[in-house]
Amino acid sequence: MIWVLFIIPGLIAAYVVFARPVLKALPALKRFYAEADTFWGKVWALFGRSATVVWSFVVAASSVAFDYVDPLAALLGAPDFKNQVMTLLKDNPQYLGYFAMLVSGVTIVARLRSIAKVAR
């Protein structure tokens, strides 16, 4: 596992020194690199400049993070955290409904924003 700590910085350096100048010179990618000069510009361009896609990735990342709640809680000294959450949800199932409404509300707003941008 420690080999990953050496390989990832090497790959990043190889990209910055060798691959990025070549890719930046390609006519097909000139526009992408022109609008992606900053870190957040790159992130925004990678997500296709779409709030809906960004939100989809946020929801997917949070669902993956929930898989690791139990090990992280045990690591932080709260091994019964999962049981506490399950008890809370069993006693108050409307919280799942509130969460679903929140996710769908943000998704609708992001989609309407994208539709409004296209209509302009």
PDB file of N, CA and C in Angstrom:
ATOM      1  N   MET A   1       0.818  -1.195   0.000  1.00  0.00           N
ATOM      2  CA  MET A   1       0.000   0.000   0.000  1.00  0.00           C
ATOM      3  C   MET A   1       0.861   1.257   0.000  1.00  0.00           C
ATOM      4  N   ILE A   2       2.041   1.175   0.553  1.00  0.00           N
ATOM      5  CA  ILE A   2       2.900   2.355   0.609  1.00  0.00           C
ATOM      6  C   ILE A   2       3.401   2.769  -0.777  1.00  0.00           C
ATOM      7  N   TRP A   3       3.420   1.830  -1.709  1.00  0.00           N
ATOM      8  CA  TRP A   3       3.874   2.152  -3.058  1.00  0.00           C
ATOM      9  C   TRP A   3       2.966   3.180  -3.730  1.00  0.00           C
ATOM     10  N   VAL A   4       1.699   3.249  -3.324  1.00  0.00           N
ATOM     11  CA  VAL A   4       0.768   4.239  -3.877  1.00  0.00           C
ATOM     12  C   VAL A   4       1.240   5.650  -3.533  1.00  0.00           C
ATOM     13  N   LEU A   5       1.822   5.813  -2.347  1.00  0.00           N
ATOM     14  CA  LEU A   5       2.306   7.138  -1.933  1.00  0.00           C
ATOM     15  C   LEU A   5       3.444   7.631  -2.817  1.00  0.00           C
ATOM     16  N   PHE A   6       4.155   6.716  -3.447  1.00  0.00           N
ATOM     17  CA  PHE A   6       5.239   7.107  -4.340  1.00  0.00           C
ATOM     18  C   PHE A   6       4.777   7.219  -5.789  1.00  0.00           C
ATOM     19  N   ILE A   7       3.827   6.414  -6.183  1.00  0.00           N
ATOM     20  CA  ILE A   7       3.395   6.401  -7.579  1.00  0.00           C
ATOM     21  C   ILE A   7       2.522   7.613  -7.908  1.00  0.00           C
ATOM     22  N   ILE A   8       1.605   7.976  -7.043  1.00  0.00           N
ATOM     23  CA  ILE A   8       0.677   9.073  -7.346  1.00  0.00           C
ATOM     24  C   ILE A   8       1.407  10.403  -7.556  1.00  0.00           C
ATOM     25  N   PRO A   9       2.333  10.815  -6.680  1.00  0.00           N
ATOM     26  CA  PRO A   9       3.059  12.066  -6.977  1.00  0.00           C
ATOM     27  C   PRO A   9       3.875  11.987  -8.269  1.00  0.00           C
ATOM     28  N   GLY A  10       4.422  10.815  -8.571  1.00  0.00           N
ATOM     29  CA  GLY A  10       5.167  10.645  -9.823  1.00  0.00           C
ATOM     30  C   GLY A  10       4.272  10.798 -11.037  1.00  0.00           C
ATOM     31  N   LEU A  11       3.060  10.256 -10.971  1.00  0.00           N
ATOM     32  CA  LEU A  11       2.114  10.398 -12.073  1.00  0.00           C
ATOM     33  C   LEU A  11       1.668  11.856 -12.249  1.00  0.00           C
ATOM     34  N   ILE A  12       1.463  12.528 -11.141  1.00  0.00           N
ATOM     35  CA  ILE A  12       1.076  13.952 -11.211  1.00  0.00           C
ATOM     36  C   ILE A  12       2.205  14.775 -11.834  1.00  0.00           C
ATOM     37  N   ALA A  13       3.421  14.518 -11.404  1.00  0.00           N
ATOM     38  CA  ALA A  13       4.566  15.245 -11.962  1.00  0.00           C
ATOM     39  C   ALA A  13       4.734  14.943 -13.451  1.00  0.00           C
ATOM     40  N   ALA A  14       4.563  13.685 -13.842  1.00  0.00           N
ATOM     41  CA  ALA A  14       4.680  13.322 -15.258  1.00  0.00           C
ATOM     42  C   ALA A  14       3.605  14.011 -16.082  1.00  0.00           C
ATOM     43  N   TYR A  15       2.412  14.110 -15.538  1.00  0.00           N
ATOM     44  CA  TYR A  15       1.347  14.804 -16.261  1.00  0.00           C
ATOM     45  C   TYR A  15       1.690  16.279 -16.439  1.00  0.00           C
ATOM     46  N   VAL A  16       2.118  16.928 -15.352  1.00  0.00           N
ATOM     47  CA  VAL A  16       2.400  18.369 -15.406  1.00  0.00           C
ATOM     48  C   VAL A  16       3.575  18.671 -16.332  1.00  0.00           C
ATOM     49  N   VAL A  17       4.616  17.852 -16.260  1.00  0.00           N
ATOM     50  CA  VAL A  17       5.828  18.146 -17.030  1.00  0.00           C
ATOM     51  C   VAL A  17       5.718  17.691 -18.484  1.00  0.00           C
ATOM     52  N   PHE A  18       5.160  16.518 -18.717  1.00  0.00           N
ATOM     53  CA  PHE A  18       5.189  15.956 -20.067  1.00  0.00           C
ATOM     54  C   PHE A  18       3.821  15.988 -20.778  1.00  0.00           C
ATOM     55  N   ALA A  19       2.798  15.455 -20.151  1.00  0.00           N
ATOM     56  CA  ALA A  19       1.526  15.262 -20.849  1.00  0.00           C
ATOM     57  C   ALA A  19       0.739  16.559 -21.033  1.00  0.00           C
ATOM     58  N   ARG A  20       0.702  17.413 -20.022  1.00  0.00           N
ATOM     59  CA  ARG A  20      -0.123  18.621 -20.108  1.00  0.00           C
ATOM     60  C   ARG A  20       0.287  19.544 -21.250  1.00  0.00           C
ATOM     61  N   PRO A  21       1.583  19.819 -21.452  1.00  0.00           N
ATOM     62  CA  PRO A  21       1.946  20.683 -22.588  1.00  0.00           C
ATOM     63  C   PRO A  21       1.550  20.077 -23.937  1.00  0.00           C
ATOM     64  N   VAL A  22       1.657  18.768 -24.062  1.00  0.00           N
ATOM     65  CA  VAL A  22       1.282  18.123 -25.324  1.00  0.00           C
ATOM     66  C   VAL A  22      -0.227  18.214 -25.523  1.00  0.00           C
ATOM     67  N   LEU A  23      -0.991  17.911 -24.475  1.00  0.00           N
ATOM     68  CA  LEU A  23      -2.445  17.971 -24.578  1.00  0.00           C
ATOM     69  C   LEU A  23      -2.935  19.397 -24.804  1.00  0.00           C
ATOM     70  N   LYS A  24      -2.273  20.363 -24.175  1.00  0.00           N
ATOM     71  CA  LYS A  24      -2.670  21.768 -24.316  1.00  0.00           C
ATOM     72  C   LYS A  24      -2.443  22.259 -25.742  1.00  0.00           C
ATOM     73  N   ALA A  25      -1.482  21.675 -26.439  1.00  0.00           N
ATOM     74  CA  ALA A  25      -1.178  22.095 -27.803  1.00  0.00           C
ATOM     75  C   ALA A  25      -2.135  21.487 -28.832  1.00  0.00           C
ATOM     76  N   LEU A  26      -2.856  20.446 -28.480  1.00  0.00           N
ATOM     77  CA  LEU A  26      -3.788  19.821 -29.419  1.00  0.00           C
ATOM     78  C   LEU A  26      -4.961  20.759 -29.708  1.00  0.00           C
ATOM     79  N   PRO A  27      -5.310  20.932 -30.974  1.00  0.00           N
ATOM     80  CA  PRO A  27      -6.417  21.839 -31.314  1.00  0.00           C
ATOM     81  C   PRO A  27      -7.751  21.426 -30.684  1.00  0.00           C
ATOM     82  N   ALA A  28      -7.981  20.146 -30.540  1.00  0.00           N
ATOM     83  CA  ALA A  28      -9.252  19.680 -29.986  1.00  0.00           C
ATOM     84  C   ALA A  28      -9.399  20.038 -28.506  1.00  0.00           C
ATOM     85  N   LEU A  29      -8.291  20.209 -27.804  1.00  0.00           N
ATOM     86  CA  LEU A  29      -8.343  20.484 -26.370  1.00  0.00           C
ATOM     87  C   LEU A  29      -7.980  21.921 -26.006  1.00  0.00           C
ATOM     88  N   LYS A  30      -7.699  22.765 -26.997  1.00  0.00           N
ATOM     89  CA  LYS A  30      -7.324  24.161 -26.716  1.00  0.00           C
ATOM     90  C   LYS A  30      -8.407  24.885 -25.928  1.00  0.00           C
ATOM     91  N   ARG A  31      -9.666  24.713 -26.338  1.00  0.00           N
ATOM     92  CA  ARG A  31     -10.766  25.404 -25.656  1.00  0.00           C
ATOM     93  C   ARG A  31     -10.891  24.944 -24.208  1.00  0.00           C
ATOM     94  N   PHE A  32     -10.761  23.632 -23.990  1.00  0.00           N
ATOM     95  CA  PHE A  32     -10.849  23.100 -22.632  1.00  0.00           C
ATOM     96  C   PHE A  32      -9.763  23.698 -21.744  1.00  0.00           C
ATOM     97  N   TYR A  33      -8.521  23.695 -22.217  1.00  0.00           N
ATOM     98  CA  TYR A  33      -7.430  24.231 -21.407  1.00  0.00           C
ATOM     99  C   TYR A  33      -7.502  25.746 -21.262  1.00  0.00           C
ATOM    100  N   ALA A  34      -8.127  26.438 -22.219  1.00  0.00           N
ATOM    101  CA  ALA A  34      -8.277  27.893 -22.106  1.00  0.00           C
ATOM    102  C   ALA A  34      -9.249  28.259 -20.984  1.00  0.00           C
ATOM    103  N   GLU A  35     -10.314  27.481 -20.823  1.00  0.00           N
ATOM    104  CA  GLU A  35     -11.285  27.807 -19.772  1.00  0.00           C
ATOM    105  C   GLU A  35     -10.968  27.122 -18.451  1.00  0.00           C
ATOM    106  N   ALA A  36      -9.949  26.278 -18.424  1.00  0.00           N
ATOM    107  CA  ALA A  36      -9.608  25.527 -17.212  1.00  0.00           C
ATOM    108  C   ALA A  36      -8.215  25.897 -16.725  1.00  0.00           C
ATOM    109  N   ASP A  37      -7.956  27.188 -16.581  1.00  0.00           N
ATOM    110  CA  ASP A  37      -6.628  27.607 -16.121  1.00  0.00           C
ATOM    111  C   ASP A  37      -6.464  27.506 -14.615  1.00  0.00           C
ATOM    112  N   THR A  38      -7.525  27.738 -13.859  1.00  0.00           N
ATOM    113  CA  THR A  38      -7.442  27.647 -12.407  1.00  0.00           C
ATOM    114  C   THR A  38      -7.902  26.261 -11.966  1.00  0.00           C
ATOM    115  N   PHE A  39      -7.693  25.941 -10.702  1.00  0.00           N
ATOM    116  CA  PHE A  39      -8.126  24.640 -10.177  1.00  0.00           C
ATOM    117  C   PHE A  39      -9.631  24.489 -10.299  1.00  0.00           C
ATOM    118  N   TRP A  40     -10.375  25.503  -9.832  1.00  0.00           N
ATOM    119  CA  TRP A  40     -11.831  25.410  -9.885  1.00  0.00           C
ATOM    120  C   TRP A  40     -12.335  25.477 -11.305  1.00  0.00           C
ATOM    121  N   GLY A  41     -11.612  26.159 -12.166  1.00  0.00           N
ATOM    122  CA  GLY A  41     -11.964  26.158 -13.585  1.00  0.00           C
ATOM    123  C   GLY A  41     -11.834  24.774 -14.191  1.00  0.00           C
ATOM    124  N   LYS A  42     -10.783  24.058 -13.798  1.00  0.00           N
ATOM    125  CA  LYS A  42     -10.596  22.681 -14.265  1.00  0.00           C
ATOM    126  C   LYS A  42     -11.708  21.780 -13.753  1.00  0.00           C
ATOM    127  N   VAL A  43     -12.034  21.919 -12.480  1.00  0.00           N
ATOM    128  CA  VAL A  43     -13.095  21.093 -11.898  1.00  0.00           C
ATOM    129  C   VAL A  43     -14.406  21.373 -12.609  1.00  0.00           C
ATOM    130  N   TRP A  44     -14.732  22.646 -12.810  1.00  0.00           N
ATOM    131  CA  TRP A  44     -15.971  23.028 -13.466  1.00  0.00           C
ATOM    132  C   TRP A  44     -16.007  22.500 -14.906  1.00  0.00           C
ATOM    133  N   ALA A  45     -14.883  22.576 -15.614  1.00  0.00           N
ATOM    134  CA  ALA A  45     -14.829  22.079 -16.989  1.00  0.00           C
ATOM    135  C   ALA A  45     -14.943  20.552 -17.033  1.00  0.00           C
ATOM    136  N   LEU A  46     -14.341  19.864 -16.063  1.00  0.00           N
ATOM    137  CA  LEU A  46     -14.430  18.404 -16.029  1.00  0.00           C
ATOM    138  C   LEU A  46     -15.859  17.930 -15.784  1.00  0.00           C
ATOM    139  N   PHE A  47     -16.631  18.711 -15.056  1.00  0.00           N
ATOM    140  CA  PHE A  47     -18.020  18.347 -14.798  1.00  0.00           C
ATOM    141  C   PHE A  47     -18.947  18.822 -15.919  1.00  0.00           C
ATOM    142  N   GLY A  48     -18.377  19.260 -17.011  1.00  0.00           N
ATOM    143  CA  GLY A  48     -19.184  19.672 -18.151  1.00  0.00           C
ATOM    144  C   GLY A  48     -19.923  20.972 -17.936  1.00  0.00           C
ATOM    145  N   ARG A  49     -19.458  21.769 -16.981  1.00  0.00           N
ATOM    146  CA  ARG A  49     -20.069  23.053 -16.645  1.00  0.00           C
ATOM    147  C   ARG A  49     -21.554  22.874 -16.363  1.00  0.00           C
ATOM    148  N   SER A  50     -21.870  21.836 -15.580  1.00  0.00           N
ATOM    149  CA  SER A  50     -23.255  21.506 -15.269  1.00  0.00           C
ATOM    150  C   SER A  50     -23.419  21.318 -13.772  1.00  0.00           C
ATOM    151  N   ALA A  51     -24.308  22.093 -13.180  1.00  0.00           N
ATOM    152  CA  ALA A  51     -24.581  21.959 -11.753  1.00  0.00           C
ATOM    153  C   ALA A  51     -25.236  20.617 -11.447  1.00  0.00           C
ATOM    154  N   THR A  52     -25.998  20.089 -12.391  1.00  0.00           N
ATOM    155  CA  THR A  52     -26.648  18.796 -12.201  1.00  0.00           C
ATOM    156  C   THR A  52     -25.614  17.685 -12.079  1.00  0.00           C
ATOM    157  N   VAL A  53     -24.589  17.725 -12.897  1.00  0.00           N
ATOM    158  CA  VAL A  53     -23.540  16.706 -12.846  1.00  0.00           C
ATOM    159  C   VAL A  53     -22.754  16.837 -11.542  1.00  0.00           C
ATOM    160  N   VAL A  54     -22.455  18.057 -11.140  1.00  0.00           N
ATOM    161  CA  VAL A  54     -21.752  18.268  -9.868  1.00  0.00           C
ATOM    162  C   VAL A  54     -22.580  17.709  -8.717  1.00  0.00           C
ATOM    163  N   TRP A  55     -23.883  17.993  -8.712  1.00  0.00           N
ATOM    164  CA  TRP A  55     -24.752  17.498  -7.647  1.00  0.00           C
ATOM    165  C   TRP A  55     -24.801  15.970  -7.659  1.00  0.00           C
ATOM    166  N   SER A  56     -24.828  15.364  -8.834  1.00  0.00           N
ATOM    167  CA  SER A  56     -24.834  13.902  -8.926  1.00  0.00           C
ATOM    168  C   SER A  56     -23.583  13.316  -8.293  1.00  0.00           C
ATOM    169  N   PHE A  57     -22.444  13.944  -8.541  1.00  0.00           N
ATOM    170  CA  PHE A  57     -21.204  13.472  -7.937  1.00  0.00           C
ATOM    171  C   PHE A  57     -21.204  13.669  -6.422  1.00  0.00           C
ATOM    172  N   VAL A  58     -21.796  14.762  -5.947  1.00  0.00           N
ATOM    173  CA  VAL A  58     -21.889  14.994  -4.502  1.00  0.00           C
ATOM    174  C   VAL A  58     -22.743  13.912  -3.849  1.00  0.00           C
ATOM    175  N   VAL A  59     -23.880  13.590  -4.457  1.00  0.00           N
ATOM    176  CA  VAL A  59     -24.755  12.552  -3.911  1.00  0.00           C
ATOM    177  C   VAL A  59     -24.048  11.196  -3.935  1.00  0.00           C
ATOM    178  N   ALA A  60     -23.361  10.881  -5.032  1.00  0.00           N
ATOM    179  CA  ALA A  60     -22.640   9.607  -5.122  1.00  0.00           C
ATOM    180  C   ALA A  60     -21.518   9.537  -4.093  1.00  0.00           C
ATOM    181  N   ALA A  61     -20.773  10.635  -3.928  1.00  0.00           N
ATOM    182  CA  ALA A  61     -19.680  10.647  -2.944  1.00  0.00           C
ATOM    183  C   ALA A  61     -20.215  10.513  -1.526  1.00  0.00           C
ATOM    184  N   SER A  62     -21.343  11.142  -1.254  1.00  0.00           N
ATOM    185  CA  SER A  62     -21.895  11.020   0.100  1.00  0.00           C
ATOM    186  C   SER A  62     -22.397   9.609   0.359  1.00  0.00           C
ATOM    187  N   SER A  63     -22.935   8.943  -0.657  1.00  0.00           N
ATOM    188  CA  SER A  63     -23.380   7.564  -0.451  1.00  0.00           C
ATOM    189  C   SER A  63     -22.197   6.639  -0.235  1.00  0.00           C
ATOM    190  N   VAL A  64     -21.087   6.890  -0.901  1.00  0.00           N
ATOM    191  CA  VAL A  64     -19.874   6.094  -0.665  1.00  0.00           C
ATOM    192  C   VAL A  64     -19.342   6.384   0.739  1.00  0.00           C
ATOM    193  N   ALA A  65     -19.410   7.632   1.154  1.00  0.00           N
ATOM    194  CA  ALA A  65     -18.937   7.992   2.500  1.00  0.00           C
ATOM    195  C   ALA A  65     -19.754   7.301   3.577  1.00  0.00           C
ATOM    196  N   PHE A  66     -21.054   7.107   3.339  1.00  0.00           N
ATOM    197  CA  PHE A  66     -21.889   6.427   4.320  1.00  0.00           C
ATOM    198  C   PHE A  66     -21.476   4.971   4.512  1.00  0.00           C
ATOM    199  N   ASP A  67     -20.842   4.379   3.494  1.00  0.00           N
ATOM    200  CA  ASP A  67     -20.338   3.011   3.647  1.00  0.00           C
ATOM    201  C   ASP A  67     -19.227   2.950   4.691  1.00  0.00           C
ATOM    202  N   TYR A  68     -18.524   4.047   4.865  1.00  0.00           N
ATOM    203  CA  TYR A  68     -17.382   4.064   5.771  1.00  0.00           C
ATOM    204  C   TYR A  68     -17.708   4.677   7.133  1.00  0.00           C
ATOM    205  N   VAL A  69     -18.977   4.947   7.410  1.00  0.00           N
ATOM    206  CA  VAL A  69     -19.355   5.542   8.685  1.00  0.00           C
ATOM    207  C   VAL A  69     -19.013   4.614   9.842  1.00  0.00           C
ATOM    208  N   ASP A  70     -19.339   3.338   9.688  1.00  0.00           N
ATOM    209  CA  ASP A  70     -19.101   2.385  10.776  1.00  0.00           C
ATOM    210  C   ASP A  70     -17.618   2.249  11.122  1.00  0.00           C
ATOM    211  N   PRO A  71     -16.715   2.019  10.150  1.00  0.00           N
ATOM    212  CA  PRO A  71     -15.295   1.939  10.504  1.00  0.00           C
ATOM    213  C   PRO A  71     -14.734   3.247  11.064  1.00  0.00           C
ATOM    214  N   LEU A  72     -15.186   4.380  10.518  1.00  0.00           N
ATOM    215  CA  LEU A  72     -14.695   5.664  11.021  1.00  0.00           C
ATOM    216  C   LEU A  72     -15.183   5.932  12.436  1.00  0.00           C
ATOM    217  N   ALA A  73     -16.425   5.558  12.714  1.00  0.00           N
ATOM    218  CA  ALA A  73     -16.952   5.750  14.064  1.00  0.00           C
ATOM    219  C   ALA A  73     -16.186   4.893  15.063  1.00  0.00           C
ATOM    220  N   ALA A  74     -15.859   3.667  14.688  1.00  0.00           N
ATOM    221  CA  ALA A  74     -15.072   2.804  15.576  1.00  0.00           C
ATOM    222  C   ALA A  74     -13.675   3.379  15.774  1.00  0.00           C
ATOM    223  N   LEU A  75     -13.112   3.932  14.708  1.00  0.00           N
ATOM    224  CA  LEU A  75     -11.777   4.531  14.799  1.00  0.00           C
ATOM    225  C   LEU A  75     -11.785   5.757  15.713  1.00  0.00           C
ATOM    226  N   LEU A  76     -12.867   6.518  15.689  1.00  0.00           N
ATOM    227  CA  LEU A  76     -12.960   7.729  16.501  1.00  0.00           C
ATOM    228  C   LEU A  76     -13.494   7.477  17.907  1.00  0.00           C
ATOM    229  N   GLY A  77     -13.762   6.223  18.227  1.00  0.00           N
ATOM    230  CA  GLY A  77     -14.150   5.886  19.584  1.00  0.00           C
ATOM    231  C   GLY A  77     -15.640   5.860  19.832  1.00  0.00           C
ATOM    232  N   ALA A  78     -16.445   5.708  18.787  1.00  0.00           N
ATOM    233  CA  ALA A  78     -17.899   5.628  18.952  1.00  0.00           C
ATOM    234  C   ALA A  78     -18.410   4.398  18.192  1.00  0.00           C
ATOM    235  N   PRO A  79     -18.092   3.208  18.681  1.00  0.00           N
ATOM    236  CA  PRO A  79     -18.449   2.003  17.922  1.00  0.00           C
ATOM    237  C   PRO A  79     -19.951   1.771  17.806  1.00  0.00           C
ATOM    238  N   ASP A  80     -20.750   2.365  18.666  1.00  0.00           N
ATOM    239  CA  ASP A  80     -22.197   2.159  18.606  1.00  0.00           C
ATOM    240  C   ASP A  80     -22.911   3.262  17.810  1.00  0.00           C
ATOM    241  N   PHE A  81     -22.180   4.026  17.027  1.00  0.00           N
ATOM    242  CA  PHE A  81     -22.759   5.121  16.248  1.00  0.00           C
ATOM    243  C   PHE A  81     -23.805   4.604  15.265  1.00  0.00           C
ATOM    244  N   LYS A  82     -23.505   3.500  14.589  1.00  0.00           N
ATOM    245  CA  LYS A  82     -24.442   2.943  13.622  1.00  0.00           C
ATOM    246  C   LYS A  82     -25.752   2.551  14.312  1.00  0.00           C
ATOM    247  N   ASN A  83     -25.650   1.961  15.493  1.00  0.00           N
ATOM    248  CA  ASN A  83     -26.860   1.589  16.231  1.00  0.00           C
ATOM    249  C   ASN A  83     -27.669   2.822  16.634  1.00  0.00           C
ATOM    250  N   GLN A  84     -26.976   3.889  17.004  1.00  0.00           N
ATOM    251  CA  GLN A  84     -27.671   5.127  17.365  1.00  0.00           C
ATOM    252  C   GLN A  84     -28.421   5.702  16.161  1.00  0.00           C
ATOM    253  N   VAL A  85     -27.774   5.679  15.000  1.00  0.00           N
ATOM    254  CA  VAL A  85     -28.425   6.189  13.789  1.00  0.00           C
ATOM    255  C   VAL A  85     -29.621   5.316  13.427  1.00  0.00           C
ATOM    256  N   MET A  86     -29.463   4.003  13.504  1.00  0.00           N
ATOM    257  CA  MET A  86     -30.569   3.096  13.191  1.00  0.00           C
ATOM    258  C   MET A  86     -31.736   3.296  14.161  1.00  0.00           C
ATOM    259  N   THR A  87     -31.444   3.500  15.426  1.00  0.00           N
ATOM    260  CA  THR A  87     -32.494   3.759  16.408  1.00  0.00           C
ATOM    261  C   THR A  87     -33.212   5.069  16.089  1.00  0.00           C
ATOM    262  N   LEU A  88     -32.450   6.101  15.728  1.00  0.00           N
ATOM    263  CA  LEU A  88     -33.045   7.388  15.368  1.00  0.00           C
ATOM    264  C   LEU A  88     -33.969   7.242  14.162  1.00  0.00           C
ATOM    265  N   LEU A  89     -33.499   6.506  13.139  1.00  0.00           N
ATOM    266  CA  LEU A  89     -34.317   6.336  11.943  1.00  0.00           C
ATOM    267  C   LEU A  89     -35.529   5.449  12.195  1.00  0.00           C
ATOM    268  N   LYS A  90     -35.378   4.468  13.099  1.00  0.00           N
ATOM    269  CA  LYS A  90     -36.504   3.591  13.415  1.00  0.00           C
ATOM    270  C   LYS A  90     -37.574   4.375  14.177  1.00  0.00           C
ATOM    271  N   ASP A  91     -37.128   5.247  15.075  1.00  0.00           N
ATOM    272  CA  ASP A  91     -38.068   6.043  15.855  1.00  0.00           C
ATOM    273  C   ASP A  91     -38.664   7.198  15.054  1.00  0.00           C
ATOM    274  N   ASN A  92     -37.906   7.708  14.096  1.00  0.00           N
ATOM    275  CA  ASN A  92     -38.343   8.868  13.307  1.00  0.00           C
ATOM    276  C   ASN A  92     -38.114   8.605  11.812  1.00  0.00           C
ATOM    277  N   PRO A  93     -38.936   7.766  11.182  1.00  0.00           N
ATOM    278  CA  PRO A  93     -38.695   7.448   9.767  1.00  0.00           C
ATOM    279  C   PRO A  93     -38.920   8.636   8.834  1.00  0.00           C
ATOM    280  N   GLN A  94     -39.560   9.688   9.320  1.00  0.00           N
ATOM    281  CA  GLN A  94     -39.779  10.845   8.452  1.00  0.00           C
ATOM    282  C   GLN A  94     -38.462  11.530   8.076  1.00  0.00           C
ATOM    283  N   TYR A  95     -37.385  11.290   8.832  1.00  0.00           N
ATOM    284  CA  TYR A  95     -36.095  11.883   8.477  1.00  0.00           C
ATOM    285  C   TYR A  95     -35.612  11.404   7.113  1.00  0.00           C
ATOM    286  N   LEU A  96     -35.879  10.147   6.778  1.00  0.00           N
ATOM    287  CA  LEU A  96     -35.516   9.656   5.442  1.00  0.00           C
ATOM    288  C   LEU A  96     -36.321  10.381   4.371  1.00  0.00           C
ATOM    289  N   GLY A  97     -37.572  10.649   4.653  1.00  0.00           N
ATOM    290  CA  GLY A  97     -38.394  11.415   3.722  1.00  0.00           C
ATOM    291  C   GLY A  97     -37.884  12.835   3.556  1.00  0.00           C
ATOM    292  N   TYR A  98     -37.487  13.456   4.664  1.00  0.00           N
ATOM    293  CA  TYR A  98     -36.927  14.810   4.586  1.00  0.00           C
ATOM    294  C   TYR A  98     -35.644  14.820   3.754  1.00  0.00           C
ATOM    295  N   PHE A  99     -34.813  13.804   3.952  1.00  0.00           N
ATOM    296  CA  PHE A  99     -33.568  13.721   3.183  1.00  0.00           C
ATOM    297  C   PHE A  99     -33.869  13.539   1.700  1.00  0.00           C
ATOM    298  N   ALA A 100     -34.825  12.674   1.368  1.00  0.00           N
ATOM    299  CA  ALA A 100     -35.192  12.457  -0.039  1.00  0.00           C
ATOM    300  C   ALA A 100     -35.748  13.740  -0.657  1.00  0.00           C
ATOM    301  N   MET A 101     -36.550  14.496   0.114  1.00  0.00           N
ATOM    302  CA  MET A 101     -37.085  15.762  -0.395  1.00  0.00           C
ATOM    303  C   MET A 101     -35.960  16.770  -0.621  1.00  0.00           C
ATOM    304  N   LEU A 102     -34.982  16.806   0.282  1.00  0.00           N
ATOM    305  CA  LEU A 102     -33.844  17.708   0.121  1.00  0.00           C
ATOM    306  C   LEU A 102     -33.057  17.371  -1.139  1.00  0.00           C
ATOM    307  N   VAL A 103     -32.744  16.095  -1.334  1.00  0.00           N
ATOM    308  CA  VAL A 103     -31.980  15.673  -2.512  1.00  0.00           C
ATOM    309  C   VAL A 103     -32.757  15.996  -3.783  1.00  0.00           C
ATOM    310  N   SER A 104     -34.060  15.685  -3.816  1.00  0.00           N
ATOM    311  CA  SER A 104     -34.824  15.960  -5.033  1.00  0.00           C
ATOM    312  C   SER A 104     -34.974  17.466  -5.254  1.00  0.00           C
ATOM    313  N   GLY A 105     -35.106  18.250  -4.191  1.00  0.00           N
ATOM    314  CA  GLY A 105     -35.201  19.696  -4.345  1.00  0.00           C
ATOM    315  C   GLY A 105     -33.944  20.303  -4.939  1.00  0.00           C
ATOM    316  N   VAL A 106     -32.802  19.899  -4.438  1.00  0.00           N
ATOM    317  CA  VAL A 106     -31.541  20.416  -4.982  1.00  0.00           C
ATOM    318  C   VAL A 106     -31.351  19.949  -6.422  1.00  0.00           C
ATOM    319  N   THR A 107     -31.741  18.703  -6.716  1.00  0.00           N
ATOM    320  CA  THR A 107     -31.628  18.197  -8.086  1.00  0.00           C
ATOM    321  C   THR A 107     -32.523  18.989  -9.035  1.00  0.00           C
ATOM    322  N   ILE A 108     -33.740  19.288  -8.610  1.00  0.00           N
ATOM    323  CA  ILE A 108     -34.657  20.064  -9.452  1.00  0.00           C
ATOM    324  C   ILE A 108     -34.113  21.464  -9.686  1.00  0.00           C
ATOM    325  N   VAL A 109     -33.611  22.111  -8.645  1.00  0.00           N
ATOM    326  CA  VAL A 109     -33.049  23.463  -8.798  1.00  0.00           C
ATOM    327  C   VAL A 109     -31.847  23.449  -9.736  1.00  0.00           C
ATOM    328  N   ALA A 110     -30.974  22.454  -9.577  1.00  0.00           N
ATOM    329  CA  ALA A 110     -29.796  22.366 -10.448  1.00  0.00           C
ATOM    330  C   ALA A 110     -30.220  22.128 -11.893  1.00  0.00           C
ATOM    331  N   ARG A 111     -31.207  21.283 -12.092  1.00  0.00           N
ATOM    332  CA  ARG A 111     -31.672  21.000 -13.457  1.00  0.00           C
ATOM    333  C   ARG A 111     -32.346  22.225 -14.069  1.00  0.00           C
ATOM    334  N   LEU A 112     -33.165  22.928 -13.298  1.00  0.00           N
ATOM    335  CA  LEU A 112     -33.803  24.135 -13.814  1.00  0.00           C
ATOM    336  C   LEU A 112     -32.765  25.201 -14.149  1.00  0.00           C
ATOM    337  N   ARG A 113     -31.714  25.261 -13.364  1.00  0.00           N
ATOM    338  CA  ARG A 113     -30.636  26.217 -13.656  1.00  0.00           C
ATOM    339  C   ARG A 113     -29.999  25.893 -14.993  1.00  0.00           C
ATOM    340  N   SER A 114     -29.744  24.600 -15.240  1.00  0.00           N
ATOM    341  CA  SER A 114     -29.143  24.190 -16.500  1.00  0.00           C
ATOM    342  C   SER A 114     -30.085  24.455 -17.672  1.00  0.00           C
ATOM    343  N   ILE A 115     -31.382  24.200 -17.467  1.00  0.00           N
ATOM    344  CA  ILE A 115     -32.347  24.446 -18.534  1.00  0.00           C
ATOM    345  C   ILE A 115     -32.438  25.943 -18.834  1.00  0.00           C
ATOM    346  N   ALA A 116     -32.403  26.772 -17.803  1.00  0.00           N
ATOM    347  CA  ALA A 116     -32.472  28.225 -17.997  1.00  0.00           C
ATOM    348  C   ALA A 116     -31.246  28.737 -18.745  1.00  0.00           C
ATOM    349  N   LYS A 117     -30.081  28.128 -18.488  1.00  0.00           N
ATOM    350  CA  LYS A 117     -28.868  28.548 -19.196  1.00  0.00           C
ATOM    351  C   LYS A 117     -28.973  28.218 -20.684  1.00  0.00           C
ATOM    352  N   VAL A 118     -29.562  27.077 -21.011  1.00  0.00           N
ATOM    353  CA  VAL A 118     -29.699  26.678 -22.417  1.00  0.00           C
ATOM    354  C   VAL A 118     -30.707  27.560 -23.126  1.00  0.00           C
ATOM    355  N   ALA A 119     -31.763  27.966 -22.423  1.00  0.00           N
ATOM    356  CA  ALA A 119     -32.817  28.784 -23.023  1.00  0.00           C
ATOM    357  C   ALA A 119     -32.342  30.201 -23.348  1.00  0.00           C
ATOM    358  N   ARG A 120     -31.298  30.662 -22.692  1.00  0.00           N
ATOM    359  CA  ARG A 120     -30.815  32.024 -22.952  1.00  0.00           C
ATOM    360  C   ARG A 120     -30.210  32.168 -24.280  1.00  0.00           C
TER     361      ARG A 120
END
